[in-house]
């Protein structure tokens, strides 16, 4: 609906060289990258947008792990409202799952460790959790052995984000999707939101959110404006700052942009930016120094190659 669209502007009116955007598109296509959509914002204006064949502006797209950044936002809202602390033990929210074995395994796990993917697992337990026979993903998470001290090392863990979603549901009595609908999605004018859920009806949290390209861009703009949308604060500046700052090293990851550090379900990236990123080339890139947001959807596993073209072709053209 047009009343929910971001304002449009010519690139040159926002001090962006138009030819650079053309060169970016040419480079993307010359590299054979399987793009679905691209949207560039500067100073809050959409200055360029493109959908490749078979894709269109009203199409909800699978965000994959950009979903994690939305889950983090819900945790931030609960922190802002004094309804939880990230220093609290995770187990206190799940007394119905407590056994001596689980208590021994998970007693030192804090909400903060879930946010920073430092749960102490040596590998991502998500596939094991999703394939559990009884459909109780929370129990399956708690039963996966923690082999390292929580907080000591980054190991990518979508199951940790699922548990954050389960905590949101424990605290609010609502699914993550239902909790965010009036607090985030409706204020941003985001409609037709869907989020996959587990067999127990808990939003998956770390994946499964579907939004349009412009919806992704709106979320990025909210973070660029430090939690304020249309003059109304939706999430505190303190949470925005903490969520997008480095809390754990990711130097062992593949690809230079994945090596810039991890916040609370946000990645840092090169040139002072941060992003939500999802499998197969989904990006919500926020560049505070340049006052820029970039939303990308694709079906492309060469994610660093895609980012390299963003940095090489677009960034120098932004004055």
Protein backbone atom coordinates (compact mmCIF):
# COMPACT_ATOMS: atom_id res chain seq x y z
CA UNK A 1 0.00 0.00 0.00
CA UNK A 2 1.45 3.36 -1.04
CA UNK A 3 0.91 5.06 2.32
CA UNK A 4 3.43 2.65 3.84
CA UNK A 5 6.14 3.18 1.24
CA UNK A 6 9.42 4.93 1.97
CA UNK A 7 9.94 8.28 0.22
CA UNK A 8 11.74 8.24 -3.15
CA UNK A 9 14.47 10.52 -4.46
CA UNK A 10 16.95 10.74 -7.31
CA UNK A 11 20.43 9.47 -6.40
CA UNK A 12 22.09 12.77 -7.29
CA UNK A 13 19.76 14.65 -4.94
CA UNK A 14 21.19 12.56 -2.08
CA UNK A 15 24.80 12.97 -3.24
CA UNK A 16 25.16 9.58 -4.90
CA UNK A 17 26.66 9.27 -8.39
CA UNK A 18 23.93 7.63 -10.52
CA UNK A 19 26.41 6.00 -12.89
CA UNK A 20 27.93 4.10 -9.97
CA UNK A 21 24.61 2.37 -9.32
CA UNK A 22 24.49 1.38 -12.98
CA UNK A 23 28.03 0.02 -12.72
CA UNK A 24 27.06 -1.92 -9.60
CA UNK A 25 24.19 -3.62 -11.46
CA UNK A 26 26.45 -4.37 -14.43
CA UNK A 27 29.10 -5.88 -12.14
CA UNK A 28 26.52 -7.99 -10.31
CA UNK A 29 25.19 -9.40 -13.56
CA UNK A 30 28.66 -9.87 -15.08
CA UNK A 31 29.60 -11.98 -12.05
CA UNK A 32 26.56 -14.18 -12.66
CA UNK A 33 25.15 -13.56 -9.19
CA UNK A 34 21.58 -14.81 -8.85
CA UNK A 35 19.95 -11.64 -7.56
CA UNK A 36 16.27 -11.27 -6.68
CA UNK A 37 16.12 -7.64 -5.50
CA UNK A 38 18.15 -4.61 -4.47
CA UNK A 39 17.18 -1.40 -2.68
CA UNK A 40 19.46 1.50 -1.71
CA UNK A 41 18.49 4.18 0.83
CA UNK A 42 20.36 7.40 1.57
CA UNK A 43 19.20 9.96 4.14
CA UNK A 44 15.96 7.97 4.47
CA UNK A 45 15.12 8.09 0.75
CA UNK A 46 14.99 5.19 -1.67
CA UNK A 47 17.40 6.27 -4.39
CA UNK A 48 17.59 2.99 -6.31
CA UNK A 49 15.54 -0.20 -6.46
CA UNK A 50 15.51 -3.19 -8.76
CA UNK A 51 13.79 -6.55 -8.98
CA UNK A 52 15.16 -9.20 -11.28
CA UNK A 53 12.84 -11.27 -13.55
CA UNK A 54 10.10 -13.32 -11.81
CA UNK A 55 10.43 -11.20 -8.63
CA UNK A 56 8.39 -8.13 -7.69
CA UNK A 57 8.10 -5.45 -4.97
CA UNK A 58 5.14 -7.04 -3.18
CA UNK A 59 6.80 -10.45 -2.90
CA UNK A 60 7.50 -11.64 0.67
CA UNK A 61 10.95 -13.19 0.56
CA UNK A 62 12.49 -15.73 2.92
CA UNK A 63 14.95 -13.82 5.11
CA UNK A 64 16.68 -16.89 6.50
CA UNK A 65 18.99 -15.60 9.27
CA UNK A 66 18.12 -11.92 8.95
CA UNK A 67 15.25 -13.20 11.10
CA UNK A 68 17.74 -13.33 13.98
CA UNK A 69 18.10 -9.54 14.05
CA UNK A 70 14.32 -9.18 14.43
CA UNK A 71 14.36 -11.69 17.30
CA UNK A 72 17.11 -9.65 18.98
CA UNK A 73 14.93 -6.56 18.66
CA UNK A 74 12.16 -8.29 20.63
CA UNK A 75 14.63 -9.14 23.40
CA UNK A 76 15.72 -5.50 23.41
CA UNK A 77 12.13 -4.33 23.81
CA UNK A 78 11.66 -6.65 26.79
CA UNK A 79 14.89 -5.34 28.32
CA UNK A 80 13.71 -1.76 27.71
CA UNK A 81 10.47 -2.56 29.55
CA UNK A 82 12.30 -4.16 32.47
CA UNK A 83 10.75 -7.56 31.81
CA UNK A 84 14.04 -9.43 31.57
CA UNK A 85 17.80 -9.02 31.89
CA UNK A 86 20.28 -10.58 29.50
CA UNK A 87 22.37 -11.56 32.54
CA UNK A 88 19.66 -13.93 33.76
CA UNK A 89 20.13 -17.71 33.58
CA UNK A 90 18.24 -19.24 30.68
CA UNK A 91 16.98 -22.14 32.78
CA UNK A 92 14.93 -19.91 35.06
CA UNK A 93 12.43 -19.48 32.21
CA UNK A 94 11.97 -23.22 31.74
CA UNK A 95 11.35 -24.87 35.13
CA UNK A 96 9.11 -27.41 33.40
CA UNK A 97 12.12 -28.71 31.49
CA UNK A 98 14.42 -28.96 34.50
CA UNK A 99 16.13 -32.27 35.24
CA UNK A 100 19.37 -32.87 37.18
CA UNK A 101 21.17 -33.59 33.90
CA UNK A 102 19.89 -30.45 32.19
CA UNK A 103 20.65 -28.30 35.24
CA UNK A 104 24.21 -29.63 35.31
CA UNK A 105 24.65 -29.03 31.59
CA UNK A 106 23.04 -25.59 31.30
CA UNK A 107 23.38 -23.94 34.72
CA UNK A 108 25.88 -21.30 33.58
CA UNK A 109 24.09 -20.40 30.33
CA UNK A 110 22.82 -16.79 30.28
CA UNK A 111 20.53 -14.99 27.83
CA UNK A 112 23.57 -12.94 26.81
CA UNK A 113 25.29 -16.11 25.62
CA UNK A 114 22.34 -16.91 23.35
CA UNK A 115 22.44 -13.40 21.88
CA UNK A 116 26.17 -13.57 21.12
CA UNK A 117 26.19 -17.22 19.97
CA UNK A 118 28.61 -18.18 22.72
CA UNK A 119 26.50 -20.91 24.30
CA UNK A 120 29.42 -23.29 24.73
CA UNK A 121 28.35 -25.72 22.01
CA UNK A 122 31.22 -26.95 19.85
CA UNK A 123 28.95 -26.98 16.78
CA UNK A 124 25.51 -25.73 15.78
CA UNK A 125 22.90 -28.10 17.28
CA UNK A 126 20.03 -26.79 15.13
CA UNK A 127 19.62 -29.79 12.83
CA UNK A 128 19.63 -32.13 15.81
CA UNK A 129 17.01 -29.98 17.53
CA UNK A 130 14.76 -29.78 14.46
CA UNK A 131 14.86 -33.54 13.94
CA UNK A 132 13.90 -34.49 17.49
CA UNK A 133 11.16 -37.12 17.45
CA UNK A 134 8.81 -35.58 20.02
CA UNK A 135 8.85 -32.07 18.51
CA UNK A 136 10.06 -30.46 21.76
CA UNK A 137 12.88 -28.31 20.45
CA UNK A 138 13.46 -26.61 23.81
CA UNK A 139 14.13 -29.94 25.50
CA UNK A 140 16.33 -31.03 22.62
CA UNK A 141 18.41 -27.85 22.95
CA UNK A 142 18.86 -28.38 26.67
CA UNK A 143 19.90 -31.98 26.11
CA UNK A 144 22.70 -31.10 23.67
CA UNK A 145 26.00 -31.16 25.60
CA UNK A 146 27.76 -27.88 26.33
CA UNK A 147 31.45 -28.68 25.93
CA UNK A 148 33.01 -25.25 26.48
CA UNK A 149 32.48 -22.43 28.95
CA UNK A 150 29.59 -20.21 27.80
CA UNK A 151 30.88 -16.85 26.63
CA UNK A 152 34.28 -18.15 25.60
CA UNK A 153 33.94 -18.70 21.84
CA UNK A 154 31.65 -17.84 18.93
CA UNK A 155 29.98 -20.84 17.30
CA UNK A 156 27.13 -20.07 14.92
CA UNK A 157 23.97 -21.40 16.53
CA UNK A 158 20.47 -20.92 15.14
CA UNK A 159 19.13 -23.05 17.99
CA UNK A 160 20.23 -20.34 20.41
CA UNK A 161 18.02 -17.85 18.58
CA UNK A 162 15.13 -20.29 18.67
CA UNK A 163 15.56 -20.41 22.44
CA UNK A 164 15.44 -16.60 22.56
CA UNK A 165 12.10 -16.82 20.76
CA UNK A 166 10.92 -19.36 23.33
CA UNK A 167 11.95 -16.96 26.12
CA UNK A 168 9.93 -14.15 24.49
CA UNK A 169 6.91 -16.46 24.50
CA UNK A 170 7.50 -17.43 28.14
CA UNK A 171 7.73 -13.78 29.24
CA UNK A 172 4.86 -12.37 27.17
CA UNK A 173 2.51 -15.29 26.61
CA UNK A 174 2.67 -14.45 22.90
CA UNK A 175 4.66 -15.85 20.02
CA UNK A 176 7.58 -13.75 18.85
CA UNK A 177 5.56 -12.79 15.78
CA UNK A 178 2.50 -11.74 17.77
CA UNK A 179 4.65 -9.80 20.25
CA UNK A 180 6.41 -7.85 17.49
CA UNK A 181 3.33 -7.22 15.36
CA UNK A 182 2.02 -4.13 17.26
CA UNK A 183 5.45 -3.03 18.53
CA UNK A 184 7.52 -3.24 15.37
CA UNK A 185 5.74 -4.42 12.24
CA UNK A 186 2.62 -2.26 12.42
CA UNK A 187 4.50 0.98 13.28
CA UNK A 188 6.79 0.34 10.28
CA UNK A 189 3.79 -0.29 8.04
CA UNK A 190 4.83 -3.90 7.49
CA UNK A 191 1.88 -6.11 6.58
CA UNK A 192 1.36 -9.77 5.65
CA UNK A 193 4.12 -10.97 7.97
CA UNK A 194 4.66 -14.71 8.37
CA UNK A 195 7.13 -16.56 10.58
CA UNK A 196 7.61 -20.31 10.62
CA UNK A 197 7.07 -22.05 13.95
CA UNK A 198 8.14 -25.29 15.61
CA UNK A 199 5.75 -28.20 16.32
CA UNK A 200 5.04 -26.61 19.72
CA UNK A 201 3.90 -23.34 18.12
CA UNK A 202 6.98 -21.27 19.02
CA UNK A 203 8.26 -18.93 16.27
CA UNK A 204 11.54 -20.30 14.93
CA UNK A 205 13.31 -17.05 15.74
CA UNK A 206 16.55 -17.67 13.91
CA UNK A 207 14.93 -18.26 10.53
CA UNK A 208 11.51 -18.46 8.89
CA UNK A 209 10.56 -14.76 8.67
CA UNK A 210 9.24 -13.61 5.28
CA UNK A 211 9.18 -9.92 4.30
CA UNK A 212 9.38 -7.74 1.21
CA UNK A 213 12.57 -5.97 0.19
CA UNK A 214 11.16 -2.63 1.29
CA UNK A 215 10.26 -4.12 4.68
CA UNK A 216 13.89 -5.17 5.11
CA UNK A 217 14.96 -1.63 4.22
CA UNK A 218 12.55 -0.14 6.77
CA UNK A 219 14.03 -2.32 9.50
CA UNK A 220 17.50 -1.14 8.52
CA UNK A 221 16.35 2.47 8.57
CA UNK A 222 14.96 2.00 12.09
CA UNK A 223 18.41 0.87 13.24
CA UNK A 224 20.13 3.64 11.30
CA UNK A 225 17.91 6.13 13.17
CA UNK A 226 18.82 4.44 16.47
CA UNK A 227 15.39 3.03 17.21
CA UNK A 228 13.16 5.97 16.22
CA UNK A 229 10.52 5.70 13.49
CA UNK A 230 8.34 8.59 12.36
CA UNK A 231 9.18 10.49 15.53
CA UNK A 232 8.32 7.61 17.85
CA UNK A 233 10.85 5.52 19.74
CA UNK A 234 10.30 1.80 19.20
CA UNK A 235 13.47 0.46 20.82
CA UNK A 236 16.02 2.22 22.99
CA UNK A 237 19.19 3.76 21.59
CA UNK A 238 21.07 1.89 24.31
CA UNK A 239 19.87 -1.44 22.94
CA UNK A 240 20.64 -0.44 19.34
CA UNK A 241 24.18 0.49 20.36
CA UNK A 242 24.78 -2.71 22.30
CA UNK A 243 23.13 -5.01 19.76
CA UNK A 244 25.26 -3.70 16.91
CA UNK A 245 28.60 -3.53 18.76
CA UNK A 246 31.18 -6.31 18.82
CA UNK A 247 30.80 -8.64 21.81
CA UNK A 248 32.75 -11.64 20.53
CA UNK A 249 35.47 -12.21 17.94
CA UNK A 250 34.54 -13.99 14.71
CA UNK A 251 38.08 -13.97 13.29
CA UNK A 252 37.95 -17.70 12.57
CA UNK A 253 35.01 -17.36 10.17
CA UNK A 254 35.36 -17.55 6.38
CA UNK A 255 35.15 -14.28 4.46
CA UNK A 256 36.48 -10.91 5.56
CA UNK A 257 33.05 -9.46 6.36
CA UNK A 258 32.22 -12.37 8.64
CA UNK A 259 35.47 -11.72 10.51
CA UNK A 260 34.51 -8.25 11.79
CA UNK A 261 32.83 -9.46 15.00
CA UNK A 262 29.36 -10.30 16.28
CA UNK A 263 26.88 -8.37 18.42
CA UNK A 264 23.44 -9.41 19.60
CA UNK A 265 22.31 -11.26 16.46
CA UNK A 266 23.92 -8.66 14.21
CA UNK A 267 27.19 -8.96 12.30
CA UNK A 268 29.68 -6.15 12.06
CA UNK A 269 30.97 -5.59 8.54
CA UNK A 270 33.66 -3.57 6.84
CA UNK A 271 33.80 0.23 6.65
CA UNK A 272 32.08 0.81 9.99
CA UNK A 273 28.82 -0.91 9.10
CA UNK A 274 26.73 -3.71 10.54
CA UNK A 275 24.16 -6.04 9.06
CA UNK A 276 21.66 -8.79 9.35
CA UNK A 277 22.55 -11.52 6.91
CA UNK A 278 20.79 -14.68 5.83
CA UNK A 279 21.69 -17.79 3.88
CA UNK A 280 21.70 -17.65 0.09
CA UNK A 281 22.49 -13.97 -0.07
CA UNK A 282 20.00 -12.02 2.05
CA UNK A 283 21.31 -8.74 3.47
CA UNK A 284 20.14 -5.78 5.52
CA UNK A 285 23.23 -3.56 5.55
CA UNK A 286 23.38 -0.44 7.71
CA UNK A 287 26.20 2.07 7.15
CA UNK A 288 25.93 4.84 9.77
CA UNK A 289 28.90 6.88 8.52
CA UNK A 290 27.37 7.10 5.06
CA UNK A 291 23.73 7.32 6.28
CA UNK A 292 22.93 4.38 4.01
CA UNK A 293 20.80 1.23 4.14
CA UNK A 294 21.07 -1.53 1.55
CA UNK A 295 18.53 -4.36 1.27
CA UNK A 296 19.34 -7.36 -0.91
CA UNK A 297 17.53 -10.62 -1.59
CA UNK A 298 18.95 -13.37 -3.76
CA UNK A 299 19.58 -17.05 -4.23
CA UNK A 300 23.34 -16.77 -4.10
CA UNK A 301 25.83 -18.69 -1.98
CA UNK A 302 28.77 -16.44 -2.98
CA UNK A 303 27.86 -13.91 -0.32
CA UNK A 304 31.32 -12.39 0.11
CA UNK A 305 31.59 -11.87 -3.64
CA UNK A 306 28.29 -10.01 -3.54
CA UNK A 307 29.48 -7.80 -0.67
CA UNK A 308 32.79 -7.14 -2.43
CA UNK A 309 30.89 -5.62 -5.35
CA UNK A 310 28.84 -3.49 -2.95
CA UNK A 311 32.02 -2.10 -1.39
CA UNK A 312 33.89 -1.68 -4.68
CA UNK A 313 31.14 -0.16 -6.81
CA UNK A 314 28.66 1.56 -4.50
CA UNK A 315 30.59 2.81 -1.50
CA UNK A 316 33.02 5.10 -3.37
CA UNK A 317 30.08 6.78 -5.12
CA UNK A 318 28.47 7.96 -1.88
CA UNK A 319 29.70 11.47 -1.10
